[in-house]
Amino acid sequence: LAEDALQETFLQVWTAAQRYIVRGKCPVTWLLGITKNVAR
């Protein structure tokens, strides 16, 4: 399931990248937020 989540996360990054808002923080928080939602 974690491998599925990995793949799904990056598919969502591909589709959600246009909505990413630059906040000056490390974007890993955004990326892991997507992962958390996918895992849920």
Full PDB file with SEQRES, HELIX, SHEET, SSBOND, CRYST1, ORIGX, SCALE, CONECT and MASTER records, all heavy atoms in Angstrom:
SEQRES   1 A   40  LEU ALA GLU ASP ALA LEU GLN GLU THR PHE LEU GLN VAL          
SEQRES   2 A   40  TRP THR ALA ALA GLN ARG TYR ILE VAL ARG GLY LYS CYS          
SEQRES   3 A   40  PRO VAL THR TRP LEU LEU GLY ILE THR LYS ASN VAL ALA          
SEQRES   4 A   40  ARG                                                          
HELIX    1 AA1 ALA A    2  ALA A   16  1                                  15    
HELIX    2 AA2 ALA A   17  ARG A   19  5                                   3    
HELIX    3 AA3 VAL A   28  ALA A   39  1                                  12    
CRYST1    1.000    1.000    1.000  90.00  90.00  90.00 P 1           1          
ORIGX1      1.000000  0.000000  0.000000        0.00000                         
ORIGX2      0.000000  1.000000  0.000000        0.00000                         
ORIGX3      0.000000  0.000000  1.000000        0.00000                         
SCALE1      1.000000  0.000000  0.000000        0.00000                         
SCALE2      0.000000  1.000000  0.000000        0.00000                         
SCALE3      0.000000  0.000000  1.000000        0.00000                         
ATOM      1  N   LEU A   1       0.830  -1.208   0.000  1.00  0.00           N  
ATOM      2  CA  LEU A   1       0.000   0.000   0.000  1.00  0.00           C  
ATOM      3  C   LEU A   1       0.863   1.256   0.000  1.00  0.00           C  
ATOM      4  O   LEU A   1       0.523   2.251  -0.643  1.00  0.00           O  
ATOM      5  CB  LEU A   1      -0.936   0.020   1.203  1.00  0.00           C  
ATOM      6  CG  LEU A   1      -2.174  -0.856   1.119  1.00  0.00           C  
ATOM      7  CD1 LEU A   1      -2.947  -0.817   2.423  1.00  0.00           C  
ATOM      8  CD2 LEU A   1      -3.063  -0.448  -0.036  1.00  0.00           C  
ATOM      9  N   ALA A   2       1.993   1.201   0.703  1.00  0.00           N  
ATOM     10  CA  ALA A   2       2.900   2.355   0.728  1.00  0.00           C  
ATOM     11  C   ALA A   2       3.475   2.608  -0.665  1.00  0.00           C  
ATOM     12  O   ALA A   2       3.635   3.758  -1.079  1.00  0.00           O  
ATOM     13  CB  ALA A   2       4.019   2.142   1.741  1.00  0.00           C  
ATOM     14  N   GLU A   3       3.768   1.541  -1.408  1.00  0.00           N  
ATOM     15  CA  GLU A   3       4.251   1.705  -2.783  1.00  0.00           C  
ATOM     16  C   GLU A   3       3.161   2.311  -3.662  1.00  0.00           C  
ATOM     17  O   GLU A   3       3.431   3.173  -4.502  1.00  0.00           O  
ATOM     18  CB  GLU A   3       4.724   0.363  -3.340  1.00  0.00           C  
ATOM     19  CG  GLU A   3       6.032  -0.086  -2.721  1.00  0.00           C  
ATOM     20  CD  GLU A   3       6.450  -1.496  -3.129  1.00  0.00           C  
ATOM     21  OE1 GLU A   3       5.754  -2.137  -3.947  1.00  0.00           O  
ATOM     22  OE2 GLU A   3       7.486  -1.950  -2.618  1.00  0.00           O  
ATOM     23  N   ASP A   4       1.914   1.872  -3.449  1.00  0.00           N  
ATOM     24  CA  ASP A   4       0.796   2.469  -4.184  1.00  0.00           C  
ATOM     25  C   ASP A   4       0.664   3.953  -3.844  1.00  0.00           C  
ATOM     26  O   ASP A   4       0.429   4.785  -4.725  1.00  0.00           O  
ATOM     27  CB  ASP A   4      -0.521   1.752  -3.845  1.00  0.00           C  
ATOM     28  CG  ASP A   4      -0.593   0.337  -4.397  1.00  0.00           C  
ATOM     29  OD1 ASP A   4       0.248  -0.018  -5.263  1.00  0.00           O  
ATOM     30  OD2 ASP A   4      -1.472  -0.424  -3.948  1.00  0.00           O  
ATOM     31  N   ALA A   5       0.817   4.268  -2.564  1.00  0.00           N  
ATOM     32  CA  ALA A   5       0.723   5.664  -2.121  1.00  0.00           C  
ATOM     33  C   ALA A   5       1.832   6.509  -2.740  1.00  0.00           C  
ATOM     34  O   ALA A   5       1.603   7.656  -3.135  1.00  0.00           O  
ATOM     35  CB  ALA A   5       0.776   5.753  -0.596  1.00  0.00           C  
ATOM     36  N   LEU A   6       3.024   5.944  -2.836  1.00  0.00           N  
ATOM     37  CA  LEU A   6       4.149   6.642  -3.462  1.00  0.00           C  
ATOM     38  C   LEU A   6       3.796   7.028  -4.898  1.00  0.00           C  
ATOM     39  O   LEU A   6       3.942   8.183  -5.301  1.00  0.00           O  
ATOM     40  CB  LEU A   6       5.396   5.750  -3.432  1.00  0.00           C  
ATOM     41  CG  LEU A   6       6.604   6.216  -4.230  1.00  0.00           C  
ATOM     42  CD1 LEU A   6       7.191   7.493  -3.629  1.00  0.00           C  
ATOM     43  CD2 LEU A   6       7.659   5.108  -4.275  1.00  0.00           C  
ATOM     44  N   GLN A   7       3.316   6.059  -5.664  1.00  0.00           N  
ATOM     45  CA  GLN A   7       2.981   6.320  -7.064  1.00  0.00           C  
ATOM     46  C   GLN A   7       1.825   7.321  -7.185  1.00  0.00           C  
ATOM     47  O   GLN A   7       1.873   8.253  -7.987  1.00  0.00           O  
ATOM     48  CB  GLN A   7       2.634   5.010  -7.783  1.00  0.00           C  
ATOM     49  CG  GLN A   7       3.763   4.013  -7.817  1.00  0.00           C  
ATOM     50  CD  GLN A   7       5.052   4.568  -8.387  1.00  0.00           C  
ATOM     51  OE1 GLN A   7       5.039   5.262  -9.397  1.00  0.00           O  
ATOM     52  NE2 GLN A   7       6.170   4.285  -7.734  1.00  0.00           N  
ATOM     53  N   GLU A   8       0.799   7.116  -6.375  1.00  0.00           N  
ATOM     54  CA  GLU A   8      -0.363   8.008  -6.434  1.00  0.00           C  
ATOM     55  C   GLU A   8      -0.001   9.430  -6.024  1.00  0.00           C  
ATOM     56  O   GLU A   8      -0.498  10.400  -6.603  1.00  0.00           O  
ATOM     57  CB  GLU A   8      -1.482   7.464  -5.533  1.00  0.00           C  
ATOM     58  CG  GLU A   8      -2.748   8.297  -5.550  1.00  0.00           C  
ATOM     59  CD  GLU A   8      -3.418   8.393  -6.911  1.00  0.00           C  
ATOM     60  OE1 GLU A   8      -3.281   7.466  -7.731  1.00  0.00           O  
ATOM     61  OE2 GLU A   8      -4.077   9.428  -7.162  1.00  0.00           O  
ATOM     62  N   THR A   9       0.894   9.562  -5.063  1.00  0.00           N  
ATOM     63  CA  THR A   9       1.330  10.893  -4.620  1.00  0.00           C  
ATOM     64  C   THR A   9       1.941  11.659  -5.786  1.00  0.00           C  
ATOM     65  O   THR A   9       1.598  12.824  -6.029  1.00  0.00           O  
ATOM     66  CB  THR A   9       2.339  10.789  -3.461  1.00  0.00           C  
ATOM     67  OG1 THR A   9       1.672  10.225  -2.323  1.00  0.00           O  
ATOM     68  CG2 THR A   9       2.910  12.150  -3.100  1.00  0.00           C  
ATOM     69  N   PHE A  10       2.837  11.016  -6.519  1.00  0.00           N  
ATOM     70  CA  PHE A  10       3.495  11.730  -7.605  1.00  0.00           C  
ATOM     71  C   PHE A  10       2.574  11.936  -8.803  1.00  0.00           C  
ATOM     72  O   PHE A  10       2.742  12.903  -9.554  1.00  0.00           O  
ATOM     73  CB  PHE A  10       4.823  11.060  -7.974  1.00  0.00           C  
ATOM     74  CG  PHE A  10       5.890  11.417  -6.975  1.00  0.00           C  
ATOM     75  CD1 PHE A  10       6.161  10.600  -5.893  1.00  0.00           C  
ATOM     76  CD2 PHE A  10       6.570  12.627  -7.074  1.00  0.00           C  
ATOM     77  CE1 PHE A  10       7.112  10.957  -4.949  1.00  0.00           C  
ATOM     78  CE2 PHE A  10       7.518  12.997  -6.139  1.00  0.00           C  
ATOM     79  CZ  PHE A  10       7.792  12.162  -5.070  1.00  0.00           C  
ATOM     80  N   LEU A  11       1.571  11.087  -8.970  1.00  0.00           N  
ATOM     81  CA  LEU A  11       0.551  11.370  -9.982  1.00  0.00           C  
ATOM     82  C   LEU A  11      -0.227  12.630  -9.599  1.00  0.00           C  
ATOM     83  O   LEU A  11      -0.523  13.472 -10.442  1.00  0.00           O  
ATOM     84  CB  LEU A  11      -0.410  10.185 -10.125  1.00  0.00           C  
ATOM     85  CG  LEU A  11       0.113   8.978 -10.878  1.00  0.00           C  
ATOM     86  CD1 LEU A  11      -0.873   7.816 -10.777  1.00  0.00           C  
ATOM     87  CD2 LEU A  11       0.386   9.324 -12.334  1.00  0.00           C  
ATOM     88  N   GLN A  12      -0.528  12.750  -8.323  1.00  0.00           N  
ATOM     89  CA  GLN A  12      -1.245  13.938  -7.864  1.00  0.00           C  
ATOM     90  C   GLN A  12      -0.368  15.186  -7.927  1.00  0.00           C  
ATOM     91  O   GLN A  12      -0.875  16.279  -8.180  1.00  0.00           O  
ATOM     92  CB  GLN A  12      -1.801  13.718  -6.464  1.00  0.00           C  
ATOM     93  CG  GLN A  12      -2.972  12.766  -6.471  1.00  0.00           C  
ATOM     94  CD  GLN A  12      -3.737  12.766  -5.173  1.00  0.00           C  
ATOM     95  OE1 GLN A  12      -3.649  13.680  -4.366  1.00  0.00           O  
ATOM     96  NE2 GLN A  12      -4.507  11.711  -4.960  1.00  0.00           N  
ATOM     97  N   VAL A  13       0.930  15.023  -7.672  1.00  0.00           N  
ATOM     98  CA  VAL A  13       1.848  16.165  -7.824  1.00  0.00           C  
ATOM     99  C   VAL A  13       1.784  16.662  -9.257  1.00  0.00           C  
ATOM    100  O   VAL A  13       1.738  17.867  -9.509  1.00  0.00           O  
ATOM    101  CB  VAL A  13       3.296  15.780  -7.430  1.00  0.00           C  
ATOM    102  CG1 VAL A  13       4.291  16.814  -7.916  1.00  0.00           C  
ATOM    103  CG2 VAL A  13       3.402  15.599  -5.923  1.00  0.00           C  
ATOM    104  N   TRP A  14       1.784  15.745 -10.209  1.00  0.00           N  
ATOM    105  CA  TRP A  14       1.719  16.099 -11.628  1.00  0.00           C  
ATOM    106  C   TRP A  14       0.472  16.924 -11.930  1.00  0.00           C  
ATOM    107  O   TRP A  14       0.537  17.923 -12.642  1.00  0.00           O  
ATOM    108  CB  TRP A  14       1.759  14.835 -12.479  1.00  0.00           C  
ATOM    109  CG  TRP A  14       1.675  15.095 -13.947  1.00  0.00           C  
ATOM    110  CD1 TRP A  14       0.586  14.915 -14.758  1.00  0.00           C  
ATOM    111  CD2 TRP A  14       2.716  15.594 -14.804  1.00  0.00           C  
ATOM    112  NE1 TRP A  14       0.880  15.267 -16.044  1.00  0.00           N  
ATOM    113  CE2 TRP A  14       2.190  15.687 -16.099  1.00  0.00           C  
ATOM    114  CE3 TRP A  14       4.029  15.970 -14.593  1.00  0.00           C  
ATOM    115  CZ2 TRP A  14       2.933  16.140 -17.182  1.00  0.00           C  
ATOM    116  CZ3 TRP A  14       4.777  16.412 -15.659  1.00  0.00           C  
ATOM    117  CH2 TRP A  14       4.221  16.496 -16.939  1.00  0.00           C  
ATOM    118  N   THR A  15      -0.657  16.515 -11.355  1.00  0.00           N  
ATOM    119  CA  THR A  15      -1.906  17.227 -11.661  1.00  0.00           C  
ATOM    120  C   THR A  15      -2.121  18.467 -10.779  1.00  0.00           C  
ATOM    121  O   THR A  15      -2.836  19.383 -11.176  1.00  0.00           O  
ATOM    122  CB  THR A  15      -3.131  16.294 -11.504  1.00  0.00           C  
ATOM    123  OG1 THR A  15      -3.181  15.785 -10.171  1.00  0.00           O  
ATOM    124  CG2 THR A  15      -3.060  15.140 -12.489  1.00  0.00           C  
ATOM    125  N   ALA A  16      -1.495  18.513  -9.592  1.00  0.00           N  
ATOM    126  CA  ALA A  16      -1.734  19.627  -8.663  1.00  0.00           C  
ATOM    127  C   ALA A  16      -0.638  20.684  -8.690  1.00  0.00           C  
ATOM    128  O   ALA A  16      -0.762  21.701  -8.015  1.00  0.00           O  
ATOM    129  CB  ALA A  16      -1.882  19.085  -7.242  1.00  0.00           C  
ATOM    130  N   ALA A  17       0.412  20.475  -9.437  1.00  0.00           N  
ATOM    131  CA  ALA A  17       1.552  21.404  -9.421  1.00  0.00           C  
ATOM    132  C   ALA A  17       1.144  22.822  -9.795  1.00  0.00           C  
ATOM    133  O   ALA A  17       1.712  23.784  -9.270  1.00  0.00           O  
ATOM    134  CB  ALA A  17       2.654  20.902 -10.353  1.00  0.00           C  
ATOM    135  N   GLN A  18       0.155  22.964 -10.662  1.00  0.00           N  
ATOM    136  CA  GLN A  18      -0.285  24.306 -11.065  1.00  0.00           C  
ATOM    137  C   GLN A  18      -0.923  25.071  -9.915  1.00  0.00           C  
ATOM    138  O   GLN A  18      -0.962  26.290  -9.919  1.00  0.00           O  
ATOM    139  CB  GLN A  18      -1.273  24.213 -12.227  1.00  0.00           C  
ATOM    140  CG  GLN A  18      -0.626  23.713 -13.492  1.00  0.00           C  
ATOM    141  CD  GLN A  18      -1.626  23.549 -14.622  1.00  0.00           C  
ATOM    142  OE1 GLN A  18      -2.811  23.371 -14.395  1.00  0.00           O  
ATOM    143  NE2 GLN A  18      -1.130  23.618 -15.844  1.00  0.00           N  
ATOM    144  N   ARG A  19      -1.422  24.342  -8.913  1.00  0.00           N  
ATOM    145  CA  ARG A  19      -2.090  24.987  -7.775  1.00  0.00           C  
ATOM    146  C   ARG A  19      -1.142  25.219  -6.598  1.00  0.00           C  
ATOM    147  O   ARG A  19      -1.563  25.760  -5.573  1.00  0.00           O  
ATOM    148  CB  ARG A  19      -3.277  24.140  -7.330  1.00  0.00           C  
ATOM    149  CG  ARG A  19      -4.379  24.061  -8.381  1.00  0.00           C  
ATOM    150  CD  ARG A  19      -5.604  23.333  -7.872  1.00  0.00           C  
ATOM    151  NE  ARG A  19      -5.348  22.002  -7.353  1.00  0.00           N  
ATOM    152  CZ  ARG A  19      -5.366  20.884  -8.074  1.00  0.00           C  
ATOM    153  NH1 ARG A  19      -5.610  20.933  -9.361  1.00  0.00           N  
ATOM    154  NH2 ARG A  19      -5.127  19.716  -7.510  1.00  0.00           N  
ATOM    155  N   TYR A  20       0.120  24.811  -6.735  1.00  0.00           N  
ATOM    156  CA  TYR A  20       1.086  24.996  -5.654  1.00  0.00           C  
ATOM    157  C   TYR A  20       1.349  26.483  -5.458  1.00  0.00           C  
ATOM    158  O   TYR A  20       1.562  27.222  -6.409  1.00  0.00           O  
ATOM    159  CB  TYR A  20       2.402  24.268  -5.962  1.00  0.00           C  
ATOM    160  CG  TYR A  20       3.451  24.490  -4.903  1.00  0.00           C  
ATOM    161  CD1 TYR A  20       3.364  23.824  -3.690  1.00  0.00           C  
ATOM    162  CD2 TYR A  20       4.497  25.385  -5.097  1.00  0.00           C  
ATOM    163  CE1 TYR A  20       4.315  24.031  -2.701  1.00  0.00           C  
ATOM    164  CE2 TYR A  20       5.446  25.593  -4.107  1.00  0.00           C  
ATOM    165  CZ  TYR A  20       5.350  24.916  -2.916  1.00  0.00           C  
ATOM    166  OH  TYR A  20       6.280  25.123  -1.937  1.00  0.00           O  
ATOM    167  N   ILE A  21       1.342  26.919  -4.191  1.00  0.00           N  
ATOM    168  CA  ILE A  21       1.581  28.317  -3.864  1.00  0.00           C  
ATOM    169  C   ILE A  21       2.939  28.425  -3.175  1.00  0.00           C  
ATOM    170  O   ILE A  21       3.181  27.764  -2.165  1.00  0.00           O  
ATOM    171  CB  ILE A  21       0.474  28.864  -2.935  1.00  0.00           C  
ATOM    172  CG1 ILE A  21      -0.879  28.778  -3.637  1.00  0.00           C  
ATOM    173  CG2 ILE A  21       0.788  30.289  -2.512  1.00  0.00           C  
ATOM    174  CD1 ILE A  21      -2.061  29.047  -2.722  1.00  0.00           C  
ATOM    175  N   VAL A  22       3.808  29.262  -3.702  1.00  0.00           N  
ATOM    176  CA  VAL A  22       5.141  29.476  -3.129  1.00  0.00           C  
ATOM    177  C   VAL A  22       4.987  30.210  -1.810  1.00  0.00           C  
ATOM    178  O   VAL A  22       4.381  31.271  -1.755  1.00  0.00           O  
ATOM    179  CB  VAL A  22       6.036  30.281  -4.100  1.00  0.00           C  
ATOM    180  CG1 VAL A  22       7.375  30.575  -3.461  1.00  0.00           C  
ATOM    181  CG2 VAL A  22       6.213  29.540  -5.406  1.00  0.00           C  
ATOM    182  N   ARG A  23       5.533  29.613  -0.752  1.00  0.00           N  
ATOM    183  CA  ARG A  23       5.413  30.233   0.571  1.00  0.00           C  
ATOM    184  C   ARG A  23       6.767  30.479   1.217  1.00  0.00           C  
ATOM    185  O   ARG A  23       6.837  30.911   2.341  1.00  0.00           O  
ATOM    186  CB  ARG A  23       4.585  29.331   1.477  1.00  0.00           C  
ATOM    187  CG  ARG A  23       3.152  29.220   1.012  1.00  0.00           C  
ATOM    188  CD  ARG A  23       2.293  28.563   2.057  1.00  0.00           C  
ATOM    189  NE  ARG A  23       0.924  28.564   1.586  1.00  0.00           N  
ATOM    190  CZ  ARG A  23       0.202  27.486   1.394  1.00  0.00           C  
ATOM    191  NH1 ARG A  23       0.698  26.311   1.656  1.00  0.00           N  
ATOM    192  NH2 ARG A  23      -1.028  27.572   0.955  1.00  0.00           N  
ATOM    193  N   GLY A  24       7.841  30.123   0.527  1.00  0.00           N  
ATOM    194  CA  GLY A  24       9.167  30.345   1.072  1.00  0.00           C  
ATOM    195  C   GLY A  24       9.639  29.248   2.009  1.00  0.00           C  
ATOM    196  O   GLY A  24      10.730  29.300   2.538  1.00  0.00           O  
ATOM    197  N   LYS A  25       8.798  28.237   2.243  1.00  0.00           N  
ATOM    198  CA  LYS A  25       9.181  27.104   3.069  1.00  0.00           C  
ATOM    199  C   LYS A  25       9.543  25.948   2.150  1.00  0.00           C  
ATOM    200  O   LYS A  25       9.234  25.949   0.972  1.00  0.00           O  
ATOM    201  CB  LYS A  25       8.019  26.660   3.964  1.00  0.00           C  
ATOM    202  CG  LYS A  25       7.716  27.604   5.095  1.00  0.00           C  
ATOM    203  CD  LYS A  25       6.655  27.002   5.978  1.00  0.00           C  
ATOM    204  CE  LYS A  25       6.383  27.861   7.179  1.00  0.00           C  
ATOM    205  NZ  LYS A  25       5.370  27.277   8.039  1.00  0.00           N  
ATOM    206  N   CYS A  26      10.160  24.940   2.707  1.00  0.00           N  
ATOM    207  CA  CYS A  26      10.511  23.746   1.947  1.00  0.00           C  
ATOM    208  C   CYS A  26       9.228  23.066   1.469  1.00  0.00           C  
ATOM    209  O   CYS A  26       8.341  22.780   2.271  1.00  0.00           O  
ATOM    210  CB  CYS A  26      11.340  22.809   2.808  1.00  0.00           C  
ATOM    211  SG  CYS A  26      11.928  21.379   1.915  1.00  0.00           S  
ATOM    212  N   PRO A  27       9.094  22.806   0.187  1.00  0.00           N  
ATOM    213  CA  PRO A  27       7.869  22.214  -0.361  1.00  0.00           C  
ATOM    214  C   PRO A  27       7.618  20.764   0.056  1.00  0.00           C  
ATOM    215  O   PRO A  27       6.601  20.200  -0.287  1.00  0.00           O  
ATOM    216  CB  PRO A  27       8.074  22.285  -1.872  1.00  0.00           C  
ATOM    217  CG  PRO A  27       9.252  23.115  -2.107  1.00  0.00           C  
ATOM    218  CD  PRO A  27      10.027  23.196  -0.847  1.00  0.00           C  
ATOM    219  N   VAL A  28       8.540  20.186   0.818  1.00  0.00           N  
ATOM    220  CA  VAL A  28       8.328  18.810   1.256  1.00  0.00           C  
ATOM    221  C   VAL A  28       7.066  18.708   2.117  1.00  0.00           C  
ATOM    222  O   VAL A  28       6.396  17.684   2.111  1.00  0.00           O  
ATOM    223  CB  VAL A  28       9.576  18.244   1.987  1.00  0.00           C  
ATOM    224  CG1 VAL A  28       9.775  18.871   3.342  1.00  0.00           C  
ATOM    225  CG2 VAL A  28       9.504  16.738   2.099  1.00  0.00           C  
ATOM    226  N   THR A  29       6.708  19.773   2.809  1.00  0.00           N  
ATOM    227  CA  THR A  29       5.493  19.770   3.610  1.00  0.00           C  
ATOM    228  C   THR A  29       4.267  19.598   2.714  1.00  0.00           C  
ATOM    229  O   THR A  29       3.357  18.829   3.036  1.00  0.00           O  
ATOM    230  CB  THR A  29       5.386  21.087   4.413  1.00  0.00           C  
ATOM    231  OG1 THR A  29       6.580  21.246   5.172  1.00  0.00           O  
ATOM    232  CG2 THR A  29       4.194  21.080   5.331  1.00  0.00           C  
ATOM    233  N   TRP A  30       4.250  20.296   1.591  1.00  0.00           N  
ATOM    234  CA  TRP A  30       3.156  20.164   0.616  1.00  0.00           C  
ATOM    235  C   TRP A  30       3.120  18.740   0.069  1.00  0.00           C  
ATOM    236  O   TRP A  30       2.060  18.112  -0.001  1.00  0.00           O  
ATOM    237  CB  TRP A  30       3.356  21.183  -0.511  1.00  0.00           C  
ATOM    238  CG  TRP A  30       2.389  21.086  -1.650  1.00  0.00           C  
ATOM    239  CD1 TRP A  30       1.076  21.471  -1.651  1.00  0.00           C  
ATOM    240  CD2 TRP A  30       2.652  20.596  -2.965  1.00  0.00           C  
ATOM    241  NE1 TRP A  30       0.514  21.245  -2.887  1.00  0.00           N  
ATOM    242  CE2 TRP A  30       1.471  20.707  -3.718  1.00  0.00           C  
ATOM    243  CE3 TRP A  30       3.786  20.079  -3.583  1.00  0.00           C  
ATOM    244  CZ2 TRP A  30       1.380  20.319  -5.041  1.00  0.00           C  
ATOM    245  CZ3 TRP A  30       3.700  19.701  -4.905  1.00  0.00           C  
ATOM    246  CH2 TRP A  30       2.507  19.813  -5.632  1.00  0.00           C  
ATOM    247  N   LEU A  31       4.268  18.221  -0.280  1.00  0.00           N  
ATOM    248  CA  LEU A  31       4.385  16.883  -0.857  1.00  0.00           C  
ATOM    249  C   LEU A  31       3.907  15.822   0.135  1.00  0.00           C  
ATOM    250  O   LEU A  31       3.134  14.924  -0.223  1.00  0.00           O  
ATOM    251  CB  LEU A  31       5.840  16.628  -1.258  1.00  0.00           C  
ATOM    252  CG  LEU A  31       6.169  15.315  -1.927  1.00  0.00           C  
ATOM    253  CD1 LEU A  31       5.428  15.177  -3.252  1.00  0.00           C  
ATOM    254  CD2 LEU A  31       7.669  15.226  -2.169  1.00  0.00           C  
ATOM    255  N   LEU A  32       4.325  15.940   1.381  1.00  0.00           N  
ATOM    256  CA  LEU A  32       3.911  14.953   2.384  1.00  0.00           C  
ATOM    257  C   LEU A  32       2.460  15.150   2.805  1.00  0.00           C  
ATOM    258  O   LEU A  32       1.815  14.207   3.257  1.00  0.00           O  
ATOM    259  CB  LEU A  32       4.866  14.966   3.568  1.00  0.00           C  
ATOM    260  CG  LEU A  32       6.282  14.475   3.223  1.00  0.00           C  
ATOM    261  CD1 LEU A  32       7.205  14.585   4.429  1.00  0.00           C  
ATOM    262  CD2 LEU A  32       6.287  13.062   2.673  1.00  0.00           C  
ATOM    263  N   GLY A  33       1.932  16.346   2.614  1.00  0.00           N  
ATOM    264  CA  GLY A  33       0.498  16.562   2.838  1.00  0.00           C  
ATOM    265  C   GLY A  33      -0.317  15.784   1.813  1.00  0.00           C  
ATOM    266  O   GLY A  33      -1.341  15.171   2.145  1.00  0.00           O  
ATOM    267  N   ILE A  34       0.147  15.794   0.576  1.00  0.00           N  
ATOM    268  CA  ILE A  34      -0.509  14.990  -0.466  1.00  0.00           C  
ATOM    269  C   ILE A  34      -0.418  13.515  -0.090  1.00  0.00           C  
ATOM    270  O   ILE A  34      -1.393  12.770  -0.179  1.00  0.00           O  
ATOM    271  CB  ILE A  34       0.135  15.249  -1.850  1.00  0.00           C  
ATOM    272  CG1 ILE A  34      -0.161  16.672  -2.317  1.00  0.00           C  
ATOM    273  CG2 ILE A  34      -0.374  14.231  -2.882  1.00  0.00           C  
ATOM    274  CD1 ILE A  34       0.581  17.080  -3.582  1.00  0.00           C  
ATOM    275  N   THR A  35       0.767  13.094   0.357  1.00  0.00           N  
ATOM    276  CA  THR A  35       0.973  11.696   0.749  1.00  0.00           C  
ATOM    277  C   THR A  35       0.019  11.303   1.868  1.00  0.00           C  
ATOM    278  O   THR A  35      -0.565  10.210   1.845  1.00  0.00           O  
ATOM    279  CB  THR A  35       2.429  11.476   1.206  1.00  0.00           C  
ATOM    280  OG1 THR A  35       3.312  11.941   0.195  1.00  0.00           O  
ATOM    281  CG2 THR A  35       2.700  10.015   1.492  1.00  0.00           C  
ATOM    282  N   LYS A  36      -0.148  12.181   2.830  1.00  0.00           N  
ATOM    283  CA  LYS A  36      -1.037  11.895   3.965  1.00  0.00           C  
ATOM    284  C   LYS A  36      -2.470  11.680   3.481  1.00  0.00           C  
ATOM    285  O   LYS A  36      -3.151  10.754   3.916  1.00  0.00           O  
ATOM    286  CB  LYS A  36      -0.977  13.051   4.966  1.00  0.00           C  
ATOM    287  CG  LYS A  36      -1.718  12.808   6.243  1.00  0.00           C  
ATOM    288  CD  LYS A  36      -1.479  13.949   7.211  1.00  0.00           C  
ATOM    289  CE  LYS A  36      -2.083  13.657   8.562  1.00  0.00           C  
ATOM    290  NZ  LYS A  36      -1.753  14.695   9.542  1.00  0.00           N  
ATOM    291  N   ASN A  37      -2.930  12.529   2.566  1.00  0.00           N  
ATOM    292  CA  ASN A  37      -4.287  12.385   2.028  1.00  0.00           C  
ATOM    293  C   ASN A  37      -4.433  11.109   1.209  1.00  0.00           C  
ATOM    294  O   ASN A  37      -5.455  10.421   1.292  1.00  0.00           O  
ATOM    295  CB  ASN A  37      -4.662  13.606   1.194  1.00  0.00           C  
ATOM    296  CG  ASN A  37      -4.826  14.843   2.046  1.00  0.00           C  
ATOM    297  OD1 ASN A  37      -5.163  14.767   3.217  1.00  0.00           O  
ATOM    298  ND2 ASN A  37      -4.565  15.997   1.465  1.00  0.00           N  
ATOM    299  N   VAL A  38      -3.420  10.791   0.414  1.00  0.00           N  
ATOM    300  CA  VAL A  38      -3.446   9.558  -0.386  1.00  0.00           C  
ATOM    301  C   VAL A  38      -3.489   8.348   0.538  1.00  0.00           C  
ATOM    302  O   VAL A  38      -4.274   7.419   0.331  1.00  0.00           O  
ATOM    303  CB  VAL A  38      -2.225   9.488  -1.333  1.00  0.00           C  
ATOM    304  CG1 VAL A  38      -2.058   8.103  -1.921  1.00  0.00           C  
ATOM    305  CG2 VAL A  38      -2.347  10.522  -2.446  1.00  0.00           C  
ATOM    306  N   ALA A  39      -2.651   8.353   1.575  1.00  0.00           N  
ATOM    307  CA  ALA A  39      -2.609   7.232   2.523  1.00  0.00           C  
ATOM    308  C   ALA A  39      -3.959   7.064   3.220  1.00  0.00           C  
ATOM    309  O   ALA A  39      -4.439   5.938   3.406  1.00  0.00           O  
ATOM    310  CB  ALA A  39      -1.500   7.449   3.544  1.00  0.00           C  
ATOM    311  N   ARG A  40      -4.562   8.164   3.595  1.00  0.00           N  
ATOM    312  CA  ARG A  40      -5.873   8.109   4.254  1.00  0.00           C  
ATOM    313  C   ARG A  40      -6.909   7.459   3.325  1.00  0.00           C  
ATOM    314  O   ARG A  40      -7.686   6.600   3.750  1.00  0.00           O  
ATOM    315  CB  ARG A  40      -6.311   9.529   4.637  1.00  0.00           C  
ATOM    316  CG  ARG A  40      -7.507   9.571   5.548  1.00  0.00           C  
ATOM    317  CD  ARG A  40      -7.863  10.987   5.979  1.00  0.00           C  
ATOM    318  NE  ARG A  40      -6.754  11.588   6.707  1.00  0.00           N  
ATOM    319  CZ  ARG A  40      -6.348  12.841   6.544  1.00  0.00           C  
ATOM    320  NH1 ARG A  40      -6.945  13.625   5.679  1.00  0.00           N  
ATOM    321  NH2 ARG A  40      -5.347  13.322   7.242  1.00  0.00           N  
TER     322      ARG A  40                                                      
MASTER        0    0    0    3    0    0    0    6  321    1    0    4          
END                                                                             
